[in-house]
């Protein structure tokens, strides 16, 4: 899925604030693994929304990291 975002808090106590921030910024909660919260962007128009929201999360929240999912084309070199 290329409309996903993962956010890992510095402290587990910050998760409620992250969930609230995510809801206010157009994200739906998907899952949680080892404190990392996975979200889906509700509305993608240009394809850059996941990256833009992940950057905004890194600036706005007290998190260890925030990353957007992406696709990398793989080319076989000879």
C-alpha atoms as a PDB file:
ATOM      1  CA  UNK A   1       0.000   0.000   0.000  1.00  0.00           C
ATOM      2  CA  UNK A   2       1.498   3.359  -0.969  1.00  0.00           C
ATOM      3  CA  UNK A   3      -0.876   5.552   1.008  1.00  0.00           C
ATOM      4  CA  UNK A   4       0.406   4.372   4.390  1.00  0.00           C
ATOM      5  CA  UNK A   5       2.304   6.168   7.121  1.00  0.00           C
ATOM      6  CA  UNK A   6       4.102   4.691  10.129  1.00  0.00           C
ATOM      7  CA  UNK A   7       4.763   6.777  13.240  1.00  0.00           C
ATOM      8  CA  UNK A   8       6.916   5.589  16.152  1.00  0.00           C
ATOM      9  CA  UNK A   9       6.664   7.643  19.364  1.00  0.00           C
ATOM     10  CA  UNK A  10       9.539   8.436  21.689  1.00  0.00           C
ATOM     11  CA  UNK A  11       7.349   7.261  24.586  1.00  0.00           C
ATOM     12  CA  UNK A  12       4.352   4.919  24.643  1.00  0.00           C
ATOM     13  CA  UNK A  13       2.488   7.576  26.649  1.00  0.00           C
ATOM     14  CA  UNK A  14       2.494   9.793  23.545  1.00  0.00           C
ATOM     15  CA  UNK A  15       0.326   7.372  21.530  1.00  0.00           C
ATOM     16  CA  UNK A  16      -3.041   8.998  22.452  1.00  0.00           C
ATOM     17  CA  UNK A  17      -1.753  12.387  21.238  1.00  0.00           C
ATOM     18  CA  UNK A  18      -0.492  10.772  18.021  1.00  0.00           C
ATOM     19  CA  UNK A  19      -3.863   9.111  17.406  1.00  0.00           C
ATOM     20  CA  UNK A  20      -5.679  12.417  17.920  1.00  0.00           C
ATOM     21  CA  UNK A  21      -3.216  14.287  15.677  1.00  0.00           C
ATOM     22  CA  UNK A  22      -3.586  11.618  12.985  1.00  0.00           C
ATOM     23  CA  UNK A  23      -7.367  11.856  12.998  1.00  0.00           C
ATOM     24  CA  UNK A  24      -7.160  15.661  12.710  1.00  0.00           C
ATOM     25  CA  UNK A  25      -4.742  15.340   9.760  1.00  0.00           C
ATOM     26  CA  UNK A  26      -6.703  12.997   7.510  1.00  0.00           C
ATOM     27  CA  UNK A  27      -5.390   9.616   8.657  1.00  0.00           C
ATOM     28  CA  UNK A  28      -7.238   6.422   9.570  1.00  0.00           C
ATOM     29  CA  UNK A  29      -5.592   4.119  12.119  1.00  0.00           C
ATOM     30  CA  UNK A  30      -4.754   0.712  10.638  1.00  0.00           C
ATOM     31  CA  UNK A  31      -2.604  -1.247  13.110  1.00  0.00           C
ATOM     32  CA  UNK A  32       0.029  -1.104  15.833  1.00  0.00           C
ATOM     33  CA  UNK A  33       3.256  -3.081  16.176  1.00  0.00           C
ATOM     34  CA  UNK A  34       5.792  -2.516  18.966  1.00  0.00           C
ATOM     35  CA  UNK A  35       4.409   1.008  19.605  1.00  0.00           C
ATOM     36  CA  UNK A  36       4.650   1.891  15.900  1.00  0.00           C
ATOM     37  CA  UNK A  37       1.297   3.196  14.739  1.00  0.00           C
ATOM     38  CA  UNK A  38       0.260   2.473  11.136  1.00  0.00           C
ATOM     39  CA  UNK A  39      -2.143   4.795   9.360  1.00  0.00           C
ATOM     40  CA  UNK A  40      -3.766   5.136   5.952  1.00  0.00           C
ATOM     41  CA  UNK A  41      -4.221   8.508   4.276  1.00  0.00           C
ATOM     42  CA  UNK A  42      -7.965   8.992   3.750  1.00  0.00           C
ATOM     43  CA  UNK A  43      -7.696  11.035   0.577  1.00  0.00           C
ATOM     44  CA  UNK A  44      -4.814  10.861  -1.897  1.00  0.00           C
ATOM     45  CA  UNK A  45      -4.987  13.204  -4.887  1.00  0.00           C
ATOM     46  CA  UNK A  46      -1.420  13.879  -5.980  1.00  0.00           C
ATOM     47  CA  UNK A  47       0.359  10.886  -4.441  1.00  0.00           C
ATOM     48  CA  UNK A  48       2.576  13.118  -2.292  1.00  0.00           C
ATOM     49  CA  UNK A  49       0.126  13.357   0.618  1.00  0.00           C
ATOM     50  CA  UNK A  50       1.648  10.463   2.617  1.00  0.00           C
ATOM     51  CA  UNK A  51       5.113  12.009   2.419  1.00  0.00           C
ATOM     52  CA  UNK A  52       3.827  15.497   3.239  1.00  0.00           C
ATOM     53  CA  UNK A  53       1.861  14.240   6.248  1.00  0.00           C
ATOM     54  CA  UNK A  54       4.829  12.165   7.503  1.00  0.00           C
ATOM     55  CA  UNK A  55       7.059  15.251   7.335  1.00  0.00           C
ATOM     56  CA  UNK A  56       4.403  17.270   9.170  1.00  0.00           C
ATOM     57  CA  UNK A  57       4.143  14.552  11.848  1.00  0.00           C
ATOM     58  CA  UNK A  58       7.899  14.655  12.377  1.00  0.00           C
ATOM     59  CA  UNK A  59       7.706  18.432  12.906  1.00  0.00           C
ATOM     60  CA  UNK A  60       4.503  18.577  14.970  1.00  0.00           C
ATOM     61  CA  UNK A  61       4.831  15.538  17.238  1.00  0.00           C
ATOM     62  CA  UNK A  62       7.332  14.202  19.758  1.00  0.00           C
ATOM     63  CA  UNK A  63       8.187  11.088  17.740  1.00  0.00           C
ATOM     64  CA  UNK A  64      11.270   8.992  17.094  1.00  0.00           C
ATOM     65  CA  UNK A  65      10.359   8.778  13.404  1.00  0.00           C
ATOM     66  CA  UNK A  66       7.517   9.129  10.914  1.00  0.00           C
ATOM     67  CA  UNK A  67       7.758   7.509   7.473  1.00  0.00           C
ATOM     68  CA  UNK A  68       5.590   7.287   4.387  1.00  0.00           C
ATOM     69  CA  UNK A  69       5.324   4.083   2.362  1.00  0.00           C
ATOM     70  CA  UNK A  70       6.770   4.271  -1.114  1.00  0.00           C
ATOM     71  CA  UNK A  71       7.559   2.148  -4.146  1.00  0.00           C
ATOM     72  CA  UNK A  72      11.051   1.888  -5.580  1.00  0.00           C
ATOM     73  CA  UNK A  73      11.401   0.544  -9.097  1.00  0.00           C
ATOM     74  CA  UNK A  74      14.040  -2.189  -9.340  1.00  0.00           C
ATOM     75  CA  UNK A  75      16.066  -2.440 -12.518  1.00  0.00           C
ATOM     76  CA  UNK A  76      18.305  -5.364 -13.302  1.00  0.00           C
ATOM     77  CA  UNK A  77      21.707  -4.216 -14.489  1.00  0.00           C
ATOM     78  CA  UNK A  78      23.855  -6.382 -16.730  1.00  0.00           C
END
